Amino acid sequence: MNIINELKAFAPLAKLVISSREELSHIVVKDGVMATTDGDHWIEMPTDYKGAFTIDSAMLPTLSEAGSVEVSQGIHNQKMVIDGQNVSCRSMSADNFPERPRDEFKELGEWDKDLVAYMVRMESFVIDDKSRPLMRGMFFKQNDMRIELCATDGHKLRRVRNVPTKSHVVANFIILAKAIGIVAECMDETVEVAFNDHYLRFKLSNEITLFHRFINKRFPNYASVFLPDNTGDSYRVNRKDMLKTLKIMDSFANKTTHQITVNLEREGTVVKVSSEDIETDVSWKTELPMLDYKGEGLEIGYNLRYFEDILKTIDSDMVTITNTTAASPSIITGDDERVDHLLTPIRLND
């Protein structure tokens, strides 16, 4: 049977998931599905092919250009006829390929593109470090027909609250950013989501199913860090102007700390921003108009890269920045009342 069209359709999905580890760098065809996995994600689509075999992922570029392919499973090698040419490549037994999750799943609810868009913007707030599992993904909590999201890398944090859902199910877990990226890439207008004690299951477009092994650990109590009703010194500034300023200052700031200083004066109308590399004696200072300043004056330091990451996830023309002390995290918000951010300050150079 010529299975090339199904392989071509599956190839882009495999590239989203495939692992570089040898035992997981294959596509398997078995039990009426074509699938691949990296250990944390399993993606599959149905196939009419009745046999069982595996194909090394290194063959994907060749198969994507082929017009036809016939396959037969060898013991240690995959034998194929690609456009009339005999080809042999490394393979593994389909029986040795990891099994898909087969436990019972409970329906969680339906996610739309707006919710998934909130999740995608969490990507710059996570880190790919297996030694710090709580920071590898986005915390998801569903309760009282409301969804809350949070992600942090220890320096900056993004929180989304009060997203309505029709589901009455209560659940919480940590979802890897890679899973959200796959869902966003492959979903229709909505995606059906189910879960059990270890996995999430997503029903995607074109009969594609994604299983994701979530992180089942207790997420830190981030809510306690936020000020009640954003109390404290606050001001508003143009987001794009601040981004342009940060981009310029990156050339003058210390290459290790990326430090900038933000200076606010009592009854002031401008925010003073400066950067200095004391090792090279290079500095830059500028002023930006600010609105609605409420406070007694403050000087605070930030890592400009983290500041940029936050501003890039906000769509609003103006942002509000709230501070209590130079040692406390700043709260940054835009027009969307569901979303707020924390930015941890850094100690200023003496």
Protein backbone atom coordinates (compact mmCIF):
# COMPACT_ATOMS: atom_id res chain seq x y z
CA MET A 1 0.00 0.00 0.00
CA ASN A 2 1.32 3.51 -0.88
CA ILE A 3 1.30 5.43 2.40
CA ILE A 4 3.12 8.52 1.16
CA ASN A 5 0.18 10.95 1.39
CA GLU A 6 -0.43 10.08 5.02
CA LEU A 7 3.27 10.37 5.83
CA LYS A 8 3.40 13.78 4.17
CA ALA A 9 0.39 14.94 6.17
CA PHE A 10 1.93 13.67 9.40
CA ALA A 11 5.45 15.04 8.83
CA PRO A 12 4.70 18.62 10.02
CA LEU A 13 3.11 17.21 13.19
CA ALA A 14 6.11 14.99 13.85
CA LYS A 15 8.46 17.97 13.58
CA LEU A 16 6.51 19.70 16.35
CA VAL A 17 7.05 16.78 18.72
CA ILE A 18 9.97 14.63 17.62
CA SER A 19 12.83 14.03 20.05
CA SER A 20 16.54 13.84 19.31
CA ARG A 21 16.83 10.85 21.65
CA GLU A 22 17.41 7.71 19.58
CA GLU A 23 14.65 5.59 21.09
CA LEU A 24 12.06 8.30 20.48
CA SER A 25 13.19 9.66 17.12
CA HIS A 26 10.81 7.50 15.09
CA ILE A 27 7.35 7.62 13.62
CA VAL A 28 5.32 4.50 14.33
CA VAL A 29 2.40 3.08 12.37
CA LYS A 30 0.44 0.62 14.46
CA ASP A 31 -3.13 -0.22 15.44
CA GLY A 32 -4.62 2.09 12.82
CA VAL A 33 -2.73 5.24 13.84
CA MET A 34 0.43 7.06 12.81
CA ALA A 35 2.16 8.58 15.83
CA THR A 36 5.32 9.89 17.43
CA THR A 37 6.36 10.97 20.93
CA ASP A 38 9.11 12.73 22.86
CA GLY A 39 8.11 11.20 26.19
CA ASP A 40 6.02 14.18 27.33
CA HIS A 41 3.90 14.56 24.18
CA TRP A 42 2.26 11.90 22.01
CA ILE A 43 0.60 13.00 18.77
CA GLU A 44 -1.34 10.73 16.43
CA MET A 45 -3.62 10.67 13.42
CA PRO A 46 -5.63 7.77 11.95
CA THR A 47 -4.32 5.76 9.00
CA ASP A 48 -5.84 3.13 6.72
CA TYR A 49 -2.57 1.20 6.69
CA LYS A 50 -3.11 -2.16 8.39
CA GLY A 51 0.48 -3.15 9.10
CA ALA A 52 2.97 -2.07 11.75
CA PHE A 53 6.34 -0.41 11.20
CA THR A 54 8.54 2.49 12.26
CA ILE A 55 10.42 5.10 10.25
CA ASP A 56 13.45 7.03 11.42
CA SER A 57 12.61 10.72 11.67
CA ALA A 58 15.76 11.48 9.65
CA MET A 59 13.84 10.21 6.61
CA LEU A 60 11.17 12.94 6.87
CA PRO A 61 12.83 15.40 4.42
CA THR A 62 13.22 12.64 1.82
CA LEU A 63 9.69 11.38 2.27
CA SER A 64 8.27 14.89 1.98
CA GLU A 65 9.67 15.11 -1.56
CA ALA A 66 8.70 11.57 -2.62
CA GLY A 67 5.85 10.60 -4.91
CA SER A 68 5.38 7.07 -3.59
CA VAL A 69 6.71 4.81 -0.88
CA GLU A 70 6.22 1.14 -0.07
CA VAL A 71 7.40 -0.17 3.30
CA SER A 72 8.27 -3.50 4.89
CA GLN A 73 9.53 -3.90 8.45
CA GLY A 74 12.94 -5.51 8.92
CA ILE A 75 14.39 -6.70 12.23
CA HIS A 76 16.86 -3.83 12.59
CA ASN A 77 16.34 -1.94 9.34
CA GLN A 78 13.36 -0.39 7.63
CA LYS A 79 13.18 -1.38 3.97
CA MET A 80 11.35 1.00 1.66
CA VAL A 81 10.82 1.54 -2.03
CA ILE A 82 10.80 5.32 -2.57
CA ASP A 83 9.86 6.38 -6.10
CA GLY A 84 11.03 3.00 -7.36
CA GLN A 85 14.36 3.07 -5.50
CA ASN A 86 15.23 0.56 -2.76
CA VAL A 87 16.13 2.29 0.52
CA SER A 88 17.16 0.85 3.89
CA CYS A 89 17.45 2.84 7.11
CA ARG A 90 17.72 2.32 10.85
CA SER A 91 14.50 1.25 12.52
CA MET A 92 13.05 -0.20 15.68
CA SER A 93 10.30 -2.72 16.23
CA ALA A 94 6.83 -1.18 16.36
CA ASP A 95 6.19 -3.40 19.40
CA ASN A 96 9.04 -1.67 21.24
CA PHE A 97 7.73 1.83 20.57
CA PRO A 98 6.30 3.51 23.70
CA GLU A 99 2.59 2.93 24.20
CA ARG A 100 0.11 5.77 23.99
CA PRO A 101 -1.73 6.74 27.21
CA ARG A 102 -4.68 4.39 27.60
CA ASP A 103 -6.14 5.36 30.98
CA GLU A 104 -9.67 6.69 31.26
CA PHE A 105 -10.08 10.42 30.64
CA LYS A 106 -12.54 12.90 32.13
CA GLU A 107 -13.81 15.81 30.06
CA LEU A 108 -12.30 19.12 31.19
CA GLY A 109 -14.07 21.45 28.78
CA GLU A 110 -13.69 23.28 25.50
CA TRP A 111 -10.96 25.85 24.85
CA ASP A 112 -11.37 28.56 22.23
CA LYS A 113 -8.68 30.48 20.36
CA ASP A 114 -8.86 33.46 22.72
CA LEU A 115 -7.98 31.28 25.71
CA VAL A 116 -5.19 29.52 23.81
CA ALA A 117 -3.84 32.94 22.75
CA TYR A 118 -3.55 33.87 26.44
CA MET A 119 -1.61 30.64 26.97
CA VAL A 120 0.74 31.18 24.02
CA ARG A 121 1.81 34.53 25.48
CA MET A 122 3.04 32.70 28.57
CA GLU A 123 5.91 31.18 26.56
CA SER A 124 8.44 33.92 27.35
CA PHE A 125 7.76 33.47 31.08
CA VAL A 126 8.87 29.82 31.31
CA ILE A 127 12.31 28.19 31.21
CA ASP A 128 13.36 24.86 29.69
CA ASP A 129 15.14 23.53 32.75
CA LYS A 130 14.14 20.07 34.00
CA SER A 131 15.81 20.75 37.34
CA ARG A 132 13.18 23.47 37.96
CA PRO A 133 9.94 21.72 36.95
CA LEU A 134 7.57 24.36 38.33
CA MET A 135 9.02 26.93 35.94
CA ARG A 136 8.97 24.72 32.83
CA GLY A 137 5.32 25.34 32.12
CA MET A 138 2.17 27.32 32.70
CA PHE A 139 -0.02 26.77 35.75
CA PHE A 140 -3.66 26.13 34.81
CA LYS A 141 -6.46 26.33 37.37
CA GLN A 142 -10.16 25.85 36.66
CA ASN A 143 -12.70 26.48 39.42
CA ASP A 144 -16.13 28.12 39.78
CA MET A 145 -16.48 28.23 35.96
CA ARG A 146 -13.40 30.46 35.78
CA ILE A 147 -9.92 29.76 34.44
CA GLU A 148 -6.71 31.24 35.84
CA LEU A 149 -3.25 30.98 34.27
CA CYS A 150 0.19 31.81 35.61
CA ALA A 151 3.80 31.38 34.48
CA THR A 152 7.10 32.58 35.91
CA ASP A 153 10.81 32.14 35.35
CA GLY A 154 11.70 33.52 38.77
CA HIS A 155 12.40 37.01 37.44
CA LYS A 156 9.11 37.94 35.84
CA LEU A 157 5.57 36.58 36.10
CA ARG A 158 2.40 36.76 34.00
CA ARG A 159 -1.05 36.04 35.43
CA VAL A 160 -4.41 35.79 33.66
CA ARG A 161 -7.57 35.66 35.76
CA ASN A 162 -11.33 35.28 35.43
CA VAL A 163 -11.51 33.76 31.95
CA PRO A 164 -15.05 32.33 31.78
CA THR A 165 -15.69 28.69 30.91
CA LYS A 166 -18.89 26.67 30.60
CA SER A 167 -17.32 23.74 32.42
CA HIS A 168 -18.07 23.03 36.09
CA VAL A 169 -15.04 20.71 36.40
CA VAL A 170 -12.39 21.63 38.99
CA ALA A 171 -8.78 20.94 38.00
CA ASN A 172 -5.25 22.30 38.15
CA PHE A 173 -1.91 21.26 36.66
CA ILE A 174 1.24 22.65 35.00
CA ILE A 175 1.27 22.48 31.18
CA LEU A 176 4.52 22.60 29.20
CA ALA A 177 4.77 25.47 26.72
CA LYS A 178 5.50 22.99 23.92
CA ALA A 179 2.07 21.41 24.33
CA ILE A 180 0.35 24.80 24.04
CA GLY A 181 2.35 25.56 20.91
CA ILE A 182 1.19 22.33 19.29
CA VAL A 183 -2.44 23.00 20.24
CA ALA A 184 -2.28 26.53 18.81
CA GLU A 185 -0.76 25.21 15.59
CA CYS A 186 -3.26 22.40 15.03
CA MET A 187 -6.60 23.44 16.58
CA ASP A 188 -9.81 24.47 14.86
CA GLU A 189 -11.89 27.29 16.34
CA THR A 190 -12.14 25.26 19.55
CA VAL A 191 -10.42 22.21 21.03
CA GLU A 192 -11.94 19.54 23.26
CA VAL A 193 -9.79 18.87 26.34
CA ALA A 194 -9.91 15.89 28.70
CA PHE A 195 -7.62 14.80 31.53
CA ASN A 196 -6.72 12.08 34.00
CA ASP A 197 -4.16 11.83 36.80
CA HIS A 198 -1.18 12.19 34.46
CA TYR A 199 -2.20 13.35 30.99
CA LEU A 200 -4.20 15.91 29.08
CA ARG A 201 -5.86 14.88 25.82
CA PHE A 202 -6.57 17.39 23.05
CA LYS A 203 -8.88 16.65 20.11
CA LEU A 204 -7.41 18.76 17.30
CA SER A 205 -8.27 19.37 13.65
CA ASN A 206 -8.29 16.59 11.02
CA GLU A 207 -8.77 13.85 13.63
CA ILE A 208 -5.40 14.65 15.23
CA THR A 209 -5.08 13.78 18.92
CA LEU A 210 -2.40 15.10 21.26
CA PHE A 211 -1.65 13.57 24.65
CA HIS A 212 0.47 15.65 27.02
CA ARG A 213 2.00 14.47 30.27
CA PHE A 214 1.55 17.47 32.55
CA ILE A 215 3.61 18.34 35.63
CA ASN A 216 1.67 17.29 38.70
CA LYS A 217 3.30 19.42 41.38
CA ARG A 218 2.09 22.18 43.68
CA PHE A 219 2.60 25.62 42.14
CA PRO A 220 3.85 28.43 44.44
CA ASN A 221 1.31 30.80 46.01
CA TYR A 222 1.92 33.64 43.57
CA ALA A 223 -1.24 35.53 44.55
CA SER A 224 0.33 36.59 47.85
CA VAL A 225 2.97 38.63 45.99
CA PHE A 226 0.44 40.92 44.34
CA LEU A 227 -0.60 44.11 46.09
CA PRO A 228 -4.26 44.39 47.09
CA ASP A 229 -6.00 46.43 44.39
CA ASN A 230 -2.59 47.47 42.99
CA THR A 231 -1.94 49.87 45.87
CA GLY A 232 1.35 51.75 45.91
CA ASP A 233 3.14 54.36 43.80
CA SER A 234 1.96 54.18 40.19
CA TYR A 235 2.33 55.90 36.84
CA ARG A 236 1.38 55.40 33.21
CA VAL A 237 3.77 55.46 30.27
CA ASN A 238 3.57 54.80 26.53
CA ARG A 239 4.46 51.17 25.94
CA LYS A 240 6.05 51.59 22.50
CA ASP A 241 8.14 54.54 23.66
CA MET A 242 9.44 52.52 26.58
CA LEU A 243 10.24 49.57 24.30
CA LYS A 244 12.21 51.82 21.95
CA THR A 245 14.12 53.24 24.90
CA LEU A 246 14.97 49.79 26.23
CA LYS A 247 16.20 48.68 22.83
CA ILE A 248 18.60 51.63 22.65
CA MET A 249 19.76 51.17 26.22
CA ASP A 250 20.64 47.54 25.62
CA SER A 251 23.72 48.78 23.76
CA PHE A 252 24.90 50.79 26.79
CA ALA A 253 23.90 48.55 29.68
CA ASN A 254 26.15 46.04 31.39
CA LYS A 255 26.25 42.87 29.27
CA THR A 256 25.81 40.63 32.30
CA THR A 257 23.14 42.39 34.37
CA HIS A 258 21.43 44.42 31.58
CA GLN A 259 20.66 46.89 34.34
CA ILE A 260 18.67 50.08 33.88
CA THR A 261 17.63 52.62 36.47
CA VAL A 262 14.15 54.15 36.57
CA ASN A 263 13.86 57.36 38.57
CA LEU A 264 10.54 58.90 39.63
CA GLU A 265 10.30 62.27 41.32
CA ARG A 266 7.47 63.54 43.50
CA GLU A 267 4.95 65.51 41.39
CA GLY A 268 7.07 64.75 38.33
CA THR A 269 5.78 64.54 34.77
CA VAL A 270 8.61 62.48 33.28
CA VAL A 271 10.14 59.11 34.08
CA LYS A 272 13.93 59.21 33.93
CA VAL A 273 15.54 56.08 32.52
CA SER A 274 19.28 55.47 32.45
CA SER A 275 21.76 52.69 31.84
CA GLU A 276 25.43 52.49 32.70
CA ASP A 277 28.17 49.94 32.28
CA ILE A 278 30.63 50.76 35.06
CA GLU A 279 33.17 48.38 33.55
CA THR A 280 33.39 50.36 30.30
CA ASP A 281 32.28 53.75 31.70
CA VAL A 282 29.53 54.02 29.05
CA SER A 283 26.13 55.43 29.97
CA TRP A 284 22.87 56.66 28.47
CA LYS A 285 20.10 58.78 29.97
CA THR A 286 16.72 59.84 28.67
CA GLU A 287 13.29 60.99 29.82
CA LEU A 288 9.83 59.79 28.86
CA PRO A 289 6.52 61.54 29.54
CA MET A 290 4.46 59.89 32.24
CA LEU A 291 0.87 60.36 33.28
CA ASP A 292 -1.05 60.13 36.53
CA TYR A 293 1.94 59.68 38.80
CA LYS A 294 0.92 58.96 42.37
CA GLY A 295 3.80 58.65 44.77
CA GLU A 296 6.57 60.24 46.80
CA GLY A 297 9.42 59.45 44.41
CA LEU A 298 11.39 56.25 43.82
CA GLU A 299 14.56 54.95 42.20
CA ILE A 300 14.44 51.32 41.11
CA GLY A 301 16.57 49.00 38.98
CA TYR A 302 15.45 46.42 36.42
CA ASN A 303 16.94 43.92 34.01
CA LEU A 304 15.86 45.56 30.75
CA ARG A 305 15.55 42.19 28.96
CA TYR A 306 12.89 41.03 31.42
CA PHE A 307 11.16 44.41 31.19
CA GLU A 308 11.08 44.04 27.39
CA ASP A 309 9.66 40.52 27.60
CA ILE A 310 6.70 41.81 29.60
CA LEU A 311 5.99 44.84 27.42
CA LYS A 312 6.05 42.71 24.25
CA THR A 313 3.17 40.58 25.54
CA ILE A 314 0.92 43.61 26.13
CA ASP A 315 -1.20 45.08 23.31
CA SER A 316 -2.17 48.35 25.01
CA ASP A 317 -0.77 51.74 23.97
CA MET A 318 -0.27 52.69 27.62
CA VAL A 319 0.88 50.58 30.56
CA THR A 320 0.52 51.21 34.27
CA ILE A 321 3.48 50.44 36.54
CA THR A 322 2.95 50.16 40.29
CA ASN A 323 5.69 50.00 42.93
CA THR A 324 5.90 49.93 46.72
CA THR A 325 9.65 49.94 47.37
CA ALA A 326 12.81 49.60 45.30
CA ALA A 327 13.19 46.06 46.63
CA SER A 328 9.64 44.88 45.89
CA PRO A 329 8.35 43.50 42.58
CA SER A 330 6.69 46.00 40.25
CA ILE A 331 3.21 45.30 38.87
CA ILE A 332 2.74 46.05 35.18
CA THR A 333 -0.70 46.12 33.55
CA GLY A 334 -2.30 47.16 30.28
CA ASP A 335 -5.92 47.65 29.26
CA ASP A 336 -6.88 43.99 29.68
CA GLU A 337 -8.11 43.77 33.27
CA ARG A 338 -7.65 40.00 33.27
CA VAL A 339 -3.86 40.23 32.85
CA ASP A 340 -1.15 41.50 35.16
CA HIS A 341 2.60 41.01 35.45
CA LEU A 342 5.28 41.06 38.11
CA LEU A 343 8.81 42.27 37.42
CA THR A 344 11.47 41.61 40.05
CA PRO A 345 13.84 44.57 40.57
CA ILE A 346 17.62 44.27 40.76
CA ARG A 347 19.96 45.96 43.20
CA LEU A 348 21.31 49.21 41.84
CA ASN A 349 25.03 49.80 41.48
CA ASP A 350 26.43 51.82 44.36
